[in-house]
Amino acid sequence: MGEIIVVIKSRAGALRFYDELRSYNISCRLINTPKEAKTGCGLSVKLLAKDLKRAQIILSRGIVGVEGIFSVERGGLKKIG
């Protein structure tokens, strides 16, 4: 099962998104933004690819500013959104 990294513009936004995901029982972790992303505040949220649709619903509410959504691939990151 693949993993997704959501890069957020601000640390406060990353924390808020993380808390929101957890409130819906979506398994996730706060991580340091990988250098390959070349963007963001330095803090990102990592979750399972199977939960991406549910996470996008939360993001659509506009509670945080997203810099990018990346799929974790064997050779690095692949931007998907």
PDB file of N, CA and C in Angstrom:
ATOM      1  N   MET A   1       0.849  -1.177   0.000  1.00  0.00           N
ATOM      2  CA  MET A   1       0.000   0.000   0.000  1.00  0.00           C
ATOM      3  C   MET A   1       0.892   1.237   0.000  1.00  0.00           C
ATOM      4  N   GLY A   2       0.599   2.202  -0.886  1.00  0.00           N
ATOM      5  CA  GLY A   2       1.413   3.388  -1.034  1.00  0.00           C
ATOM      6  C   GLY A   2       1.162   4.433   0.038  1.00  0.00           C
ATOM      7  N   GLU A   3       2.080   5.382   0.090  1.00  0.00           N
ATOM      8  CA  GLU A   3       1.957   6.480   1.043  1.00  0.00           C
ATOM      9  C   GLU A   3       1.938   7.802   0.287  1.00  0.00           C
ATOM     10  N   ILE A   4       1.307   8.775   0.903  1.00  0.00           N
ATOM     11  CA  ILE A   4       1.154  10.112   0.352  1.00  0.00           C
ATOM     12  C   ILE A   4       1.722  11.115   1.353  1.00  0.00           C
ATOM     13  N   ILE A   5       2.373  12.137   0.828  1.00  0.00           N
ATOM     14  CA  ILE A   5       2.840  13.241   1.669  1.00  0.00           C
ATOM     15  C   ILE A   5       2.132  14.503   1.210  1.00  0.00           C
ATOM     16  N   VAL A   6       1.497  15.186   2.156  1.00  0.00           N
ATOM     17  CA  VAL A   6       0.830  16.454   1.881  1.00  0.00           C
ATOM     18  C   VAL A   6       1.703  17.557   2.473  1.00  0.00           C
ATOM     19  N   VAL A   7       2.240  18.409   1.599  1.00  0.00           N
ATOM     20  CA  VAL A   7       3.109  19.505   2.024  1.00  0.00           C
ATOM     21  C   VAL A   7       2.246  20.743   2.233  1.00  0.00           C
ATOM     22  N   ILE A   8       2.358  21.326   3.417  1.00  0.00           N
ATOM     23  CA  ILE A   8       1.531  22.460   3.824  1.00  0.00           C
ATOM     24  C   ILE A   8       2.385  23.733   3.889  1.00  0.00           C
ATOM     25  N   LYS A   9       1.764  24.879   3.618  1.00  0.00           N
ATOM     26  CA  LYS A   9       2.478  26.164   3.601  1.00  0.00           C
ATOM     27  C   LYS A   9       2.996  26.595   4.966  1.00  0.00           C
ATOM     28  N   SER A  10       2.243  26.309   6.037  1.00  0.00           N
ATOM     29  CA  SER A  10       2.648  26.783   7.365  1.00  0.00           C
ATOM     30  C   SER A  10       2.655  25.638   8.367  1.00  0.00           C
ATOM     31  N   ARG A  11       3.466  25.798   9.404  1.00  0.00           N
ATOM     32  CA  ARG A  11       3.522  24.779  10.459  1.00  0.00           C
ATOM     33  C   ARG A  11       2.177  24.673  11.170  1.00  0.00           C
ATOM     34  N   ALA A  12       1.550  25.806  11.421  1.00  0.00           N
ATOM     35  CA  ALA A  12       0.242  25.797  12.089  1.00  0.00           C
ATOM     36  C   ALA A  12      -0.781  25.061  11.227  1.00  0.00           C
ATOM     37  N   GLY A  13      -0.725  25.264   9.912  1.00  0.00           N
ATOM     38  CA  GLY A  13      -1.627  24.582   8.993  1.00  0.00           C
ATOM     39  C   GLY A  13      -1.388  23.081   8.984  1.00  0.00           C
ATOM     40  N   ALA A  14      -0.122  22.674   9.012  1.00  0.00           N
ATOM     41  CA  ALA A  14       0.213  21.247   9.049  1.00  0.00           C
ATOM     42  C   ALA A  14      -0.329  20.604  10.322  1.00  0.00           C
ATOM     43  N   LEU A  15      -0.165  21.283  11.439  1.00  0.00           N
ATOM     44  CA  LEU A  15      -0.678  20.756  12.711  1.00  0.00           C
ATOM     45  C   LEU A  15      -2.199  20.673  12.692  1.00  0.00           C
ATOM     46  N   ARG A  16      -2.829  21.681  12.133  1.00  0.00           N
ATOM     47  CA  ARG A  16      -4.292  21.692  12.071  1.00  0.00           C
ATOM     48  C   ARG A  16      -4.813  20.569  11.166  1.00  0.00           C
ATOM     49  N   PHE A  17      -4.176  20.370  10.017  1.00  0.00           N
ATOM     50  CA  PHE A  17      -4.563  19.303   9.102  1.00  0.00           C
ATOM     51  C   PHE A  17      -4.374  17.935   9.762  1.00  0.00           C
ATOM     52  N   TYR A  18      -3.251  17.757  10.427  1.00  0.00           N
ATOM     53  CA  TYR A  18      -2.972  16.511  11.155  1.00  0.00           C
ATOM     54  C   TYR A  18      -4.070  16.238  12.191  1.00  0.00           C
ATOM     55  N   ASP A  19      -4.388  17.246  12.985  1.00  0.00           N
ATOM     56  CA  ASP A  19      -5.432  17.087  14.014  1.00  0.00           C
ATOM     57  C   ASP A  19      -6.783  16.761  13.389  1.00  0.00           C
ATOM     58  N   GLU A  20      -7.087  17.404  12.271  1.00  0.00           N
ATOM     59  CA  GLU A  20      -8.362  17.158  11.591  1.00  0.00           C
ATOM     60  C   GLU A  20      -8.431  15.718  11.070  1.00  0.00           C
ATOM     61  N   LEU A  21      -7.346  15.256  10.462  1.00  0.00           N
ATOM     62  CA  LEU A  21      -7.304  13.869   9.984  1.00  0.00           C
ATOM     63  C   LEU A  21      -7.506  12.887  11.141  1.00  0.00           C
ATOM     64  N   ARG A  22      -6.818  13.138  12.235  1.00  0.00           N
ATOM     65  CA  ARG A  22      -6.920  12.251  13.402  1.00  0.00           C
ATOM     66  C   ARG A  22      -8.340  12.251  13.975  1.00  0.00           C
ATOM     67  N   SER A  23      -9.023  13.393  13.907  1.00  0.00           N
ATOM     68  CA  SER A  23     -10.384  13.459  14.442  1.00  0.00           C
ATOM     69  C   SER A  23     -11.349  12.574  13.636  1.00  0.00           C
ATOM     70  N   TYR A  24     -10.972  12.256  12.380  1.00  0.00           N
ATOM     71  CA  TYR A  24     -11.764  11.354  11.543  1.00  0.00           C
ATOM     72  C   TYR A  24     -11.158   9.942  11.507  1.00  0.00           C
ATOM     73  N   ASN A  25     -10.288   9.665  12.449  1.00  0.00           N
ATOM     74  CA  ASN A  25      -9.638   8.352  12.561  1.00  0.00           C
ATOM     75  C   ASN A  25      -8.861   7.955  11.310  1.00  0.00           C
ATOM     76  N   ILE A  26      -8.272   8.937  10.649  1.00  0.00           N
ATOM     77  CA  ILE A  26      -7.407   8.673   9.505  1.00  0.00           C
ATOM     78  C   ILE A  26      -5.978   8.582  10.035  1.00  0.00           C
ATOM     79  N   SER A  27      -5.361   7.443   9.819  1.00  0.00           N
ATOM     80  CA  SER A  27      -4.001   7.219  10.291  1.00  0.00           C
ATOM     81  C   SER A  27      -3.034   8.131   9.533  1.00  0.00           C
ATOM     82  N   CYS A  28      -2.232   8.898  10.274  1.00  0.00           N
ATOM     83  CA  CYS A  28      -1.288   9.822   9.657  1.00  0.00           C
ATOM     84  C   CYS A  28      -0.162  10.136  10.635  1.00  0.00           C
ATOM     85  N   ARG A  29       0.896  10.756  10.091  1.00  0.00           N
ATOM     86  CA  ARG A  29       2.035  11.171  10.912  1.00  0.00           C
ATOM     87  C   ARG A  29       2.521  12.537  10.452  1.00  0.00           C
ATOM     88  N   LEU A  30       3.028  13.309  11.394  1.00  0.00           N
ATOM     89  CA  LEU A  30       3.730  14.546  11.060  1.00  0.00           C
ATOM     90  C   LEU A  30       5.171  14.169  10.774  1.00  0.00           C
ATOM     91  N   ILE A  31       5.712  14.672   9.672  1.00  0.00           N
ATOM     92  CA  ILE A  31       7.094  14.372   9.306  1.00  0.00           C
ATOM     93  C   ILE A  31       7.790  15.648   8.854  1.00  0.00           C
ATOM     94  N   ASN A  32       9.114  15.617   8.835  1.00  0.00           N
ATOM     95  CA  ASN A  32       9.868  16.694   8.211  1.00  0.00           C
ATOM     96  C   ASN A  32       9.671  16.586   6.707  1.00  0.00           C
ATOM     97  N   THR A  33       9.431  17.713   6.058  1.00  0.00           N
ATOM     98  CA  THR A  33       9.230  17.706   4.612  1.00  0.00           C
ATOM     99  C   THR A  33      10.501  17.226   3.917  1.00  0.00           C
ATOM    100  N   PRO A  34      10.394  16.208   3.057  1.00  0.00           N
ATOM    101  CA  PRO A  34      11.581  15.735   2.324  1.00  0.00           C
ATOM    102  C   PRO A  34      12.153  16.832   1.432  1.00  0.00           C
ATOM    103  N   LYS A  35      13.465  16.842   1.292  1.00  0.00           N
ATOM    104  CA  LYS A  35      14.136  17.852   0.469  1.00  0.00           C
ATOM    105  C   LYS A  35      13.654  17.828  -0.974  1.00  0.00           C
ATOM    106  N   GLU A  36      13.257  16.643  -1.458  1.00  0.00           N
ATOM    107  CA  GLU A  36      12.809  16.509  -2.838  1.00  0.00           C
ATOM    108  C   GLU A  36      11.579  17.363  -3.132  1.00  0.00           C
ATOM    109  N   ALA A  37      10.791  17.669  -2.111  1.00  0.00           N
ATOM    110  CA  ALA A  37       9.574  18.464  -2.304  1.00  0.00           C
ATOM    111  C   ALA A  37       9.911  19.909  -2.670  1.00  0.00           C
ATOM    112  N   LYS A  38      11.038  20.408  -2.204  1.00  0.00           N
ATOM    113  CA  LYS A  38      11.529  21.762  -2.500  1.00  0.00           C
ATOM    114  C   LYS A  38      10.491  22.850  -2.245  1.00  0.00           C
ATOM    115  N   THR A  39       9.688  22.673  -1.204  1.00  0.00           N
ATOM    116  CA  THR A  39       8.641  23.638  -0.902  1.00  0.00           C
ATOM    117  C   THR A  39       8.127  23.412   0.512  1.00  0.00           C
ATOM    118  N   GLY A  40       7.283  24.292   0.974  1.00  0.00           N
ATOM    119  CA  GLY A  40       6.613  24.115   2.262  1.00  0.00           C
ATOM    120  C   GLY A  40       7.357  24.717   3.423  1.00  0.00           C
ATOM    121  N   CYS A  41       6.796  24.492   4.601  1.00  0.00           N
ATOM    122  CA  CYS A  41       7.302  25.096   5.829  1.00  0.00           C
ATOM    123  C   CYS A  41       8.284  24.197   6.555  1.00  0.00           C
ATOM    124  N   GLY A  42       8.486  22.993   6.072  1.00  0.00           N
ATOM    125  CA  GLY A  42       9.374  22.054   6.733  1.00  0.00           C
ATOM    126  C   GLY A  42       8.638  20.962   7.477  1.00  0.00           C
ATOM    127  N   LEU A  43       7.324  21.065   7.564  1.00  0.00           N
ATOM    128  CA  LEU A  43       6.517  20.068   8.256  1.00  0.00           C
ATOM    129  C   LEU A  43       5.411  19.607   7.309  1.00  0.00           C
ATOM    130  N   SER A  44       5.264  18.295   7.168  1.00  0.00           N
ATOM    131  CA  SER A  44       4.271  17.724   6.267  1.00  0.00           C
ATOM    132  C   SER A  44       3.496  16.627   6.979  1.00  0.00           C
ATOM    133  N   VAL A  45       2.431  16.175   6.331  1.00  0.00           N
ATOM    134  CA  VAL A  45       1.613  15.100   6.876  1.00  0.00           C
ATOM    135  C   VAL A  45       1.695  13.915   5.917  1.00  0.00           C
ATOM    136  N   LYS A  46       2.009  12.756   6.476  1.00  0.00           N
ATOM    137  CA  LYS A  46       2.120  11.523   5.695  1.00  0.00           C
ATOM    138  C   LYS A  46       0.945  10.622   6.037  1.00  0.00           C
ATOM    139  N   LEU A  47       0.302  10.077   4.997  1.00  0.00           N
ATOM    140  CA  LEU A  47      -0.831   9.188   5.213  1.00  0.00           C
ATOM    141  C   LEU A  47      -0.831   8.099   4.154  1.00  0.00           C
ATOM    142  N   LEU A  48      -1.674   7.106   4.341  1.00  0.00           N
ATOM    143  CA  LEU A  48      -1.786   6.021   3.382  1.00  0.00           C
ATOM    144  C   LEU A  48      -2.563   6.485   2.151  1.00  0.00           C
ATOM    145  N   ALA A  49      -2.158   5.988   0.991  1.00  0.00           N
ATOM    146  CA  ALA A  49      -2.806   6.368  -0.269  1.00  0.00           C
ATOM    147  C   ALA A  49      -4.300   6.045  -0.252  1.00  0.00           C
ATOM    148  N   LYS A  50      -4.688   4.999   0.442  1.00  0.00           N
ATOM    149  CA  LYS A  50      -6.101   4.618   0.489  1.00  0.00           C
ATOM    150  C   LYS A  50      -6.966   5.676   1.168  1.00  0.00           C
ATOM    151  N   ASP A  51      -6.354   6.557   1.945  1.00  0.00           N
ATOM    152  CA  ASP A  51      -7.090   7.606   2.657  1.00  0.00           C
ATOM    153  C   ASP A  51      -7.052   8.956   1.942  1.00  0.00           C
ATOM    154  N   LEU A  52      -6.470   8.999   0.747  1.00  0.00           N
ATOM    155  CA  LEU A  52      -6.307  10.276   0.043  1.00  0.00           C
ATOM    156  C   LEU A  52      -7.634  10.959  -0.248  1.00  0.00           C
ATOM    157  N   LYS A  53      -8.621  10.236  -0.717  1.00  0.00           N
ATOM    158  CA  LYS A  53      -9.924  10.854  -1.046  1.00  0.00           C
ATOM    159  C   LYS A  53     -10.536  11.516   0.181  1.00  0.00           C
ATOM    160  N   ARG A  54     -10.486  10.833   1.321  1.00  0.00           N
ATOM    161  CA  ARG A  54     -11.027  11.415   2.555  1.00  0.00           C
ATOM    162  C   ARG A  54     -10.232  12.643   2.973  1.00  0.00           C
ATOM    163  N   ALA A  55      -8.913  12.595   2.798  1.00  0.00           N
ATOM    164  CA  ALA A  55      -8.064  13.737   3.143  1.00  0.00           C
ATOM    165  C   ALA A  55      -8.364  14.922   2.227  1.00  0.00           C
ATOM    166  N   GLN A  56      -8.624  14.652   0.948  1.00  0.00           N
ATOM    167  CA  GLN A  56      -8.926  15.729   0.003  1.00  0.00           C
ATOM    168  C   GLN A  56     -10.247  16.419   0.349  1.00  0.00           C
ATOM    169  N   ILE A  57     -11.188  15.680   0.905  1.00  0.00           N
ATOM    170  CA  ILE A  57     -12.440  16.291   1.351  1.00  0.00           C
ATOM    171  C   ILE A  57     -12.151  17.295   2.468  1.00  0.00           C
ATOM    172  N   ILE A  58     -11.291  16.899   3.389  1.00  0.00           N
ATOM    173  CA  ILE A  58     -10.910  17.808   4.482  1.00  0.00           C
ATOM    174  C   ILE A  58     -10.182  19.030   3.923  1.00  0.00           C
ATOM    175  N   LEU A  59      -9.270  18.803   2.967  1.00  0.00           N
ATOM    176  CA  LEU A  59      -8.533  19.915   2.367  1.00  0.00           C
ATOM    177  C   LEU A  59      -9.447  20.858   1.608  1.00  0.00           C
ATOM    178  N   SER A  60     -10.520  20.332   1.023  1.00  0.00           N
ATOM    179  CA  SER A  60     -11.431  21.163   0.232  1.00  0.00           C
ATOM    180  C   SER A  60     -12.174  22.186   1.083  1.00  0.00           C
ATOM    181  N   ARG A  61     -12.165  21.996   2.383  1.00  0.00           N
ATOM    182  CA  ARG A  61     -12.796  22.958   3.287  1.00  0.00           C
ATOM    183  C   ARG A  61     -11.960  24.227   3.443  1.00  0.00           C
ATOM    184  N   GLY A  62     -10.750  24.202   2.907  1.00  0.00           N
ATOM    185  CA  GLY A  62      -9.903  25.388   2.927  1.00  0.00           C
ATOM    186  C   GLY A  62      -9.274  25.711   4.269  1.00  0.00           C
ATOM    187  N   ILE A  63      -9.118  24.725   5.128  1.00  0.00           N
ATOM    188  CA  ILE A  63      -8.566  25.007   6.458  1.00  0.00           C
ATOM    189  C   ILE A  63      -7.062  25.208   6.450  1.00  0.00           C
ATOM    190  N   VAL A  64      -6.386  24.721   5.403  1.00  0.00           N
ATOM    191  CA  VAL A  64      -4.931  24.873   5.316  1.00  0.00           C
ATOM    192  C   VAL A  64      -4.530  25.179   3.883  1.00  0.00           C
ATOM    193  N   GLY A  65      -3.349  25.760   3.730  1.00  0.00           N
ATOM    194  CA  GLY A  65      -2.820  26.011   2.393  1.00  0.00           C
ATOM    195  C   GLY A  65      -1.888  24.879   1.990  1.00  0.00           C
ATOM    196  N   VAL A  66      -2.208  24.206   0.911  1.00  0.00           N
ATOM    197  CA  VAL A  66      -1.422  23.063   0.457  1.00  0.00           C
ATOM    198  C   VAL A  66      -0.411  23.516  -0.596  1.00  0.00           C
ATOM    199  N   GLU A  67       0.837  23.142  -0.410  1.00  0.00           N
ATOM    200  CA  GLU A  67       1.886  23.422  -1.390  1.00  0.00           C
ATOM    201  C   GLU A  67       1.953  22.327  -2.446  1.00  0.00           C
ATOM    202  N   GLY A  68       1.629  21.092  -2.051  1.00  0.00           N
ATOM    203  CA  GLY A  68       1.665  19.988  -3.000  1.00  0.00           C
ATOM    204  C   GLY A  68       1.310  18.670  -2.328  1.00  0.00           C
ATOM    205  N   ILE A  69       0.889  17.725  -3.155  1.00  0.00           N
ATOM    206  CA  ILE A  69       0.612  16.373  -2.693  1.00  0.00           C
ATOM    207  C   ILE A  69       1.518  15.456  -3.494  1.00  0.00           C
ATOM    208  N   PHE A  70       2.253  14.606  -2.784  1.00  0.00           N
ATOM    209  CA  PHE A  70       3.260  13.757  -3.402  1.00  0.00           C
ATOM    210  C   PHE A  70       3.021  12.295  -3.057  1.00  0.00           C
ATOM    211  N   SER A  71       3.258  11.446  -4.031  1.00  0.00           N
ATOM    212  CA  SER A  71       3.240  10.008  -3.824  1.00  0.00           C
ATOM    213  C   SER A  71       4.672   9.580  -3.483  1.00  0.00           C
ATOM    214  N   VAL A  72       4.814   8.729  -2.494  1.00  0.00           N
ATOM    215  CA  VAL A  72       6.131   8.221  -2.130  1.00  0.00           C
ATOM    216  C   VAL A  72       6.434   7.046  -3.045  1.00  0.00           C
ATOM    217  N   GLU A  73       7.448   7.208  -3.883  1.00  0.00           N
ATOM    218  CA  GLU A  73       7.843   6.193  -4.867  1.00  0.00           C
ATOM    219  C   GLU A  73       9.203   5.626  -4.488  1.00  0.00           C
ATOM    220  N   ARG A  74       9.551   4.526  -5.087  1.00  0.00           N
ATOM    221  CA  ARG A  74      10.833   3.890  -4.812  1.00  0.00           C
ATOM    222  C   ARG A  74      12.007   4.848  -5.081  1.00  0.00           C
ATOM    223  N   GLY A  75      11.953   5.623  -6.150  1.00  0.00           N
ATOM    224  CA  GLY A  75      13.041   6.517  -6.505  1.00  0.00           C
ATOM    225  C   GLY A  75      12.932   7.909  -5.901  1.00  0.00           C
ATOM    226  N   GLY A  76      11.932   8.174  -5.079  1.00  0.00           N
ATOM    227  CA  GLY A  76      11.736   9.485  -4.476  1.00  0.00           C
ATOM    228  C   GLY A  76      10.273   9.865  -4.445  1.00  0.00           C
ATOM    229  N   LEU A  77      10.010  11.144  -4.650  1.00  0.00           N
ATOM    230  CA  LEU A  77       8.630  11.644  -4.611  1.00  0.00           C
ATOM    231  C   LEU A  77       8.126  11.939  -6.020  1.00  0.00           C
ATOM    232  N   LYS A  78       6.831  11.752  -6.211  1.00  0.00           N
ATOM    233  CA  LYS A  78       6.184  12.095  -7.475  1.00  0.00           C
ATOM    234  C   LYS A  78       5.003  13.004  -7.165  1.00  0.00           C
ATOM    235  N   LYS A  79       5.013  14.205  -7.703  1.00  0.00           N
ATOM    236  CA  LYS A  79       3.938  15.154  -7.436  1.00  0.00           C
ATOM    237  C   LYS A  79       2.655  14.694  -8.120  1.00  0.00           C
ATOM    238  N   ILE A  80       1.571  14.611  -7.332  1.00  0.00           N
ATOM    239  CA  ILE A  80       0.296  14.182  -7.884  1.00  0.00           C
ATOM    240  C   ILE A  80      -0.790  15.240  -7.702  1.00  0.00           C
ATOM    241  N   GLY A  81      -0.467  16.305  -6.997  1.00  0.00           N
ATOM    242  CA  GLY A  81      -1.465  17.336  -6.792  1.00  0.00           C
ATOM    243  C   GLY A  81      -0.895  18.596  -6.239  1.00  0.00           C
TER     244      GLY A  81
END
